[in-house]
C-alpha atoms as a PDB file:
ATOM      1  CA  UNK A   1       0.000   0.000   0.000  1.00  0.00           C
ATOM      2  CA  UNK A   2       1.328   3.428  -0.959  1.00  0.00           C
ATOM      3  CA  UNK A   3       0.977   6.445   1.270  1.00  0.00           C
ATOM      4  CA  UNK A   4       1.170  10.108   0.462  1.00  0.00           C
ATOM      5  CA  UNK A   5       2.244  12.981   2.672  1.00  0.00           C
ATOM      6  CA  UNK A   6      -0.379  15.608   3.188  1.00  0.00           C
ATOM      7  CA  UNK A   7       0.754  19.201   3.574  1.00  0.00           C
ATOM      8  CA  UNK A   8       0.382  20.619   7.067  1.00  0.00           C
ATOM      9  CA  UNK A   9      -2.066  23.459   6.472  1.00  0.00           C
ATOM     10  CA  UNK A  10      -2.441  24.269  10.172  1.00  0.00           C
ATOM     11  CA  UNK A  11       1.032  25.745  10.395  1.00  0.00           C
ATOM     12  CA  UNK A  12       1.158  29.546  10.548  1.00  0.00           C
ATOM     13  CA  UNK A  13       2.876  31.082   7.501  1.00  0.00           C
ATOM     14  CA  UNK A  14       6.365  32.439   8.109  1.00  0.00           C
ATOM     15  CA  UNK A  15       6.263  36.226   8.474  1.00  0.00           C
ATOM     16  CA  UNK A  16       8.843  38.992   8.241  1.00  0.00           C
ATOM     17  CA  UNK A  17       8.357  39.515  11.976  1.00  0.00           C
ATOM     18  CA  UNK A  18       9.845  36.038  12.453  1.00  0.00           C
ATOM     19  CA  UNK A  19      12.943  36.971  10.426  1.00  0.00           C
ATOM     20  CA  UNK A  20      13.543  40.687  10.909  1.00  0.00           C
ATOM     21  CA  UNK A  21      16.606  42.071  12.571  1.00  0.00           C
ATOM     22  CA  UNK A  22      15.830  44.325  15.497  1.00  0.00           C
ATOM     23  CA  UNK A  23      19.493  45.330  15.574  1.00  0.00           C
ATOM     24  CA  UNK A  24      19.325  48.322  13.294  1.00  0.00           C
ATOM     25  CA  UNK A  25      21.530  51.235  12.406  1.00  0.00           C
ATOM     26  CA  UNK A  26      19.695  54.518  12.505  1.00  0.00           C
ATOM     27  CA  UNK A  27      20.816  57.953  11.503  1.00  0.00           C
ATOM     28  CA  UNK A  28      19.344  61.396  10.948  1.00  0.00           C
ATOM     29  CA  UNK A  29      18.800  63.137   7.602  1.00  0.00           C
ATOM     30  CA  UNK A  30      21.458  65.725   8.533  1.00  0.00           C
ATOM     31  CA  UNK A  31      24.197  63.220   9.409  1.00  0.00           C
ATOM     32  CA  UNK A  32      27.079  62.916   6.944  1.00  0.00           C
ATOM     33  CA  UNK A  33      26.916  59.910   4.612  1.00  0.00           C
ATOM     34  CA  UNK A  34      30.397  58.831   5.756  1.00  0.00           C
ATOM     35  CA  UNK A  35      29.239  58.646   9.380  1.00  0.00           C
ATOM     36  CA  UNK A  36      26.202  56.521   8.502  1.00  0.00           C
ATOM     37  CA  UNK A  37      28.312  54.274   6.253  1.00  0.00           C
ATOM     38  CA  UNK A  38      30.917  53.762   8.982  1.00  0.00           C
ATOM     39  CA  UNK A  39      28.188  52.703  11.419  1.00  0.00           C
ATOM     40  CA  UNK A  40      26.756  50.278   8.840  1.00  0.00           C
ATOM     41  CA  UNK A  41      30.209  48.726   8.437  1.00  0.00           C
ATOM     42  CA  UNK A  42      30.726  48.500  12.234  1.00  0.00           C
ATOM     43  CA  UNK A  43      27.374  46.786  12.709  1.00  0.00           C
ATOM     44  CA  UNK A  44      27.750  44.603   9.588  1.00  0.00           C
ATOM     45  CA  UNK A  45      24.414  45.681   8.080  1.00  0.00           C
ATOM     46  CA  UNK A  46      23.534  46.840   4.587  1.00  0.00           C
ATOM     47  CA  UNK A  47      21.216  49.708   5.460  1.00  0.00           C
ATOM     48  CA  UNK A  48      20.581  52.505   7.913  1.00  0.00           C
ATOM     49  CA  UNK A  49      17.117  53.723   8.805  1.00  0.00           C
ATOM     50  CA  UNK A  50      16.895  57.490   8.567  1.00  0.00           C
ATOM     51  CA  UNK A  51      14.836  58.763  11.480  1.00  0.00           C
ATOM     52  CA  UNK A  52      13.272  62.186  11.878  1.00  0.00           C
ATOM     53  CA  UNK A  53      12.607  62.062  15.606  1.00  0.00           C
ATOM     54  CA  UNK A  54      10.512  58.924  16.169  1.00  0.00           C
ATOM     55  CA  UNK A  55       9.418  58.695  12.504  1.00  0.00           C
ATOM     56  CA  UNK A  56      10.954  56.798   9.594  1.00  0.00           C
ATOM     57  CA  UNK A  57      11.975  59.427   7.047  1.00  0.00           C
ATOM     58  CA  UNK A  58      14.036  57.247   4.738  1.00  0.00           C
ATOM     59  CA  UNK A  59      16.554  54.473   4.265  1.00  0.00           C
ATOM     60  CA  UNK A  60      20.200  54.659   3.227  1.00  0.00           C
ATOM     61  CA  UNK A  61      21.606  51.489   1.686  1.00  0.00           C
ATOM     62  CA  UNK A  62      25.003  50.262   0.556  1.00  0.00           C
ATOM     63  CA  UNK A  63      23.976  51.048  -3.013  1.00  0.00           C
ATOM     64  CA  UNK A  64      23.119  54.635  -2.040  1.00  0.00           C
ATOM     65  CA  UNK A  65      26.537  55.045  -0.414  1.00  0.00           C
ATOM     66  CA  UNK A  66      28.223  53.633  -3.520  1.00  0.00           C
ATOM     67  CA  UNK A  67      26.317  56.070  -5.764  1.00  0.00           C
ATOM     68  CA  UNK A  68      27.264  58.960  -3.476  1.00  0.00           C
ATOM     69  CA  UNK A  69      30.934  57.930  -3.553  1.00  0.00           C
ATOM     70  CA  UNK A  70      30.897  57.567  -7.348  1.00  0.00           C
ATOM     71  CA  UNK A  71      29.409  61.059  -7.714  1.00  0.00           C
ATOM     72  CA  UNK A  72      32.561  62.606  -6.296  1.00  0.00           C
ATOM     73  CA  UNK A  73      30.666  64.139  -3.359  1.00  0.00           C
ATOM     74  CA  UNK A  74      32.565  64.694  -0.121  1.00  0.00           C
ATOM     75  CA  UNK A  75      30.917  61.995   1.992  1.00  0.00           C
ATOM     76  CA  UNK A  76      32.174  63.624   5.188  1.00  0.00           C
ATOM     77  CA  UNK A  77      29.997  66.682   4.527  1.00  0.00           C
ATOM     78  CA  UNK A  78      27.131  65.608   2.233  1.00  0.00           C
ATOM     79  CA  UNK A  79      24.013  64.799   4.306  1.00  0.00           C
ATOM     80  CA  UNK A  80      22.279  61.435   4.282  1.00  0.00           C
ATOM     81  CA  UNK A  81      19.120  63.223   3.057  1.00  0.00           C
ATOM     82  CA  UNK A  82      20.825  63.883  -0.288  1.00  0.00           C
ATOM     83  CA  UNK A  83      21.175  60.155  -1.054  1.00  0.00           C
ATOM     84  CA  UNK A  84      18.556  58.310   1.004  1.00  0.00           C
ATOM     85  CA  UNK A  85      15.322  56.862  -0.340  1.00  0.00           C
ATOM     86  CA  UNK A  86      12.633  59.082   1.142  1.00  0.00           C
ATOM     87  CA  UNK A  87       9.494  57.564   2.667  1.00  0.00           C
ATOM     88  CA  UNK A  88      10.490  53.986   1.878  1.00  0.00           C
ATOM     89  CA  UNK A  89       7.949  51.278   1.349  1.00  0.00           C
ATOM     90  CA  UNK A  90       7.634  49.133   4.460  1.00  0.00           C
ATOM     91  CA  UNK A  91       5.888  46.022   5.717  1.00  0.00           C
ATOM     92  CA  UNK A  92       4.242  45.079   8.994  1.00  0.00           C
ATOM     93  CA  UNK A  93       5.607  42.296  11.207  1.00  0.00           C
ATOM     94  CA  UNK A  94       2.728  40.012  10.148  1.00  0.00           C
ATOM     95  CA  UNK A  95       3.478  40.325   6.411  1.00  0.00           C
ATOM     96  CA  UNK A  96       4.048  36.831   4.953  1.00  0.00           C
ATOM     97  CA  UNK A  97       7.595  36.204   3.742  1.00  0.00           C
ATOM     98  CA  UNK A  98       6.353  35.513   0.197  1.00  0.00           C
ATOM     99  CA  UNK A  99       4.587  38.902   0.057  1.00  0.00           C
ATOM    100  CA  UNK A 100       7.679  40.726   1.311  1.00  0.00           C
ATOM    101  CA  UNK A 101       9.861  38.926  -1.247  1.00  0.00           C
ATOM    102  CA  UNK A 102       7.487  39.935  -4.023  1.00  0.00           C
ATOM    103  CA  UNK A 103       7.509  43.597  -2.895  1.00  0.00           C
ATOM    104  CA  UNK A 104      11.305  43.597  -2.744  1.00  0.00           C
ATOM    105  CA  UNK A 105      11.886  41.810  -6.038  1.00  0.00           C
ATOM    106  CA  UNK A 106       9.352  43.817  -8.031  1.00  0.00           C
ATOM    107  CA  UNK A 107      10.728  47.125  -6.735  1.00  0.00           C
ATOM    108  CA  UNK A 108      14.433  46.232  -6.695  1.00  0.00           C
ATOM    109  CA  UNK A 109      14.807  46.581  -2.902  1.00  0.00           C
ATOM    110  CA  UNK A 110      17.275  44.563  -0.867  1.00  0.00           C
ATOM    111  CA  UNK A 111      16.136  45.944   2.504  1.00  0.00           C
ATOM    112  CA  UNK A 112      12.601  46.452   3.779  1.00  0.00           C
ATOM    113  CA  UNK A 113      11.802  48.338   7.004  1.00  0.00           C
ATOM    114  CA  UNK A 114       9.315  46.621   9.299  1.00  0.00           C
ATOM    115  CA  UNK A 115       6.890  49.140  10.751  1.00  0.00           C
ATOM    116  CA  UNK A 116       3.727  48.814  12.791  1.00  0.00           C
ATOM    117  CA  UNK A 117       1.702  51.986  13.090  1.00  0.00           C
ATOM    118  CA  UNK A 118       4.429  54.599  13.329  1.00  0.00           C
ATOM    119  CA  UNK A 119       6.820  52.403  15.283  1.00  0.00           C
ATOM    120  CA  UNK A 120       9.842  50.900  13.530  1.00  0.00           C
ATOM    121  CA  UNK A 121      10.420  47.300  14.628  1.00  0.00           C
ATOM    122  CA  UNK A 122      13.311  46.218  12.423  1.00  0.00           C
ATOM    123  CA  UNK A 123      14.597  45.513   8.940  1.00  0.00           C
ATOM    124  CA  UNK A 124      14.456  42.417   6.772  1.00  0.00           C
ATOM    125  CA  UNK A 125      16.811  41.814   3.852  1.00  0.00           C
ATOM    126  CA  UNK A 126      16.513  39.681   0.744  1.00  0.00           C
ATOM    127  CA  UNK A 127      19.304  37.557   2.197  1.00  0.00           C
ATOM    128  CA  UNK A 128      17.135  36.923   5.282  1.00  0.00           C
ATOM    129  CA  UNK A 129      14.192  35.887   3.109  1.00  0.00           C
ATOM    130  CA  UNK A 130      16.266  33.586   0.902  1.00  0.00           C
ATOM    131  CA  UNK A 131      17.986  32.030   3.920  1.00  0.00           C
ATOM    132  CA  UNK A 132      14.605  31.258   5.462  1.00  0.00           C
ATOM    133  CA  UNK A 133      13.409  29.618   2.251  1.00  0.00           C
ATOM    134  CA  UNK A 134      16.544  27.541   1.903  1.00  0.00           C
ATOM    135  CA  UNK A 135      16.622  26.383   5.525  1.00  0.00           C
ATOM    136  CA  UNK A 136      12.971  25.275   5.618  1.00  0.00           C
ATOM    137  CA  UNK A 137      12.389  21.564   4.951  1.00  0.00           C
ATOM    138  CA  UNK A 138      11.360  20.881   1.319  1.00  0.00           C
ATOM    139  CA  UNK A 139       7.888  19.581   2.270  1.00  0.00           C
ATOM    140  CA  UNK A 140       7.082  23.022   3.739  1.00  0.00           C
ATOM    141  CA  UNK A 141       7.987  24.880   0.567  1.00  0.00           C
ATOM    142  CA  UNK A 142       5.390  25.558  -2.033  1.00  0.00           C
ATOM    143  CA  UNK A 143       6.820  24.727  -5.432  1.00  0.00           C
ATOM    144  CA  UNK A 144       4.549  27.284  -7.043  1.00  0.00           C
ATOM    145  CA  UNK A 145       5.640  30.172  -4.810  1.00  0.00           C
ATOM    146  CA  UNK A 146       9.303  29.221  -5.128  1.00  0.00           C
ATOM    147  CA  UNK A 147       9.083  28.959  -8.932  1.00  0.00           C
ATOM    148  CA  UNK A 148       7.259  32.278  -9.225  1.00  0.00           C
ATOM    149  CA  UNK A 149       9.979  34.085  -7.248  1.00  0.00           C
ATOM    150  CA  UNK A 150      13.010  32.573  -8.970  1.00  0.00           C
ATOM    151  CA  UNK A 151      12.644  34.005 -12.503  1.00  0.00           C
ATOM    152  CA  UNK A 152      12.441  37.522 -11.045  1.00  0.00           C
ATOM    153  CA  UNK A 153      15.520  37.086  -8.851  1.00  0.00           C
ATOM    154  CA  UNK A 154      17.818  37.453 -11.852  1.00  0.00           C
ATOM    155  CA  UNK A 155      17.005  41.142 -12.012  1.00  0.00           C
ATOM    156  CA  UNK A 156      19.026  41.811  -8.840  1.00  0.00           C
ATOM    157  CA  UNK A 157      22.374  41.446 -10.549  1.00  0.00           C
END
């Protein structure tokens, strides 16, 4: 007699709240790019959340720092606000991992702030999302969701 495994549909979907890093680098819009970049390097993260008081005003990523450096700007004096992404798209802690991956891939983001109400909870990166997908047992992966994400991943290069 043959038996088949039935998918466990009672399991809660993995969310970005399960994966996000609460260890974040934050900076202000007026801080020099070099200062924010140095903090990102010290903390081994790829982005800094730009805070205007308690509110998320933007995000500065490694790519933004690279563009600023390539422009010939003096990174010790140019403010973060000149290179940050203003009012970045964000997700809530209960956003499913697949939804966050789709947002990030379709928009070319590598880092997504996690915000609930006006409170910033953390950041999730594409690396975090891919690591979670790879480390989950194969029977928990949906072939359809994995296949739909993979063709788009090539655009990150």
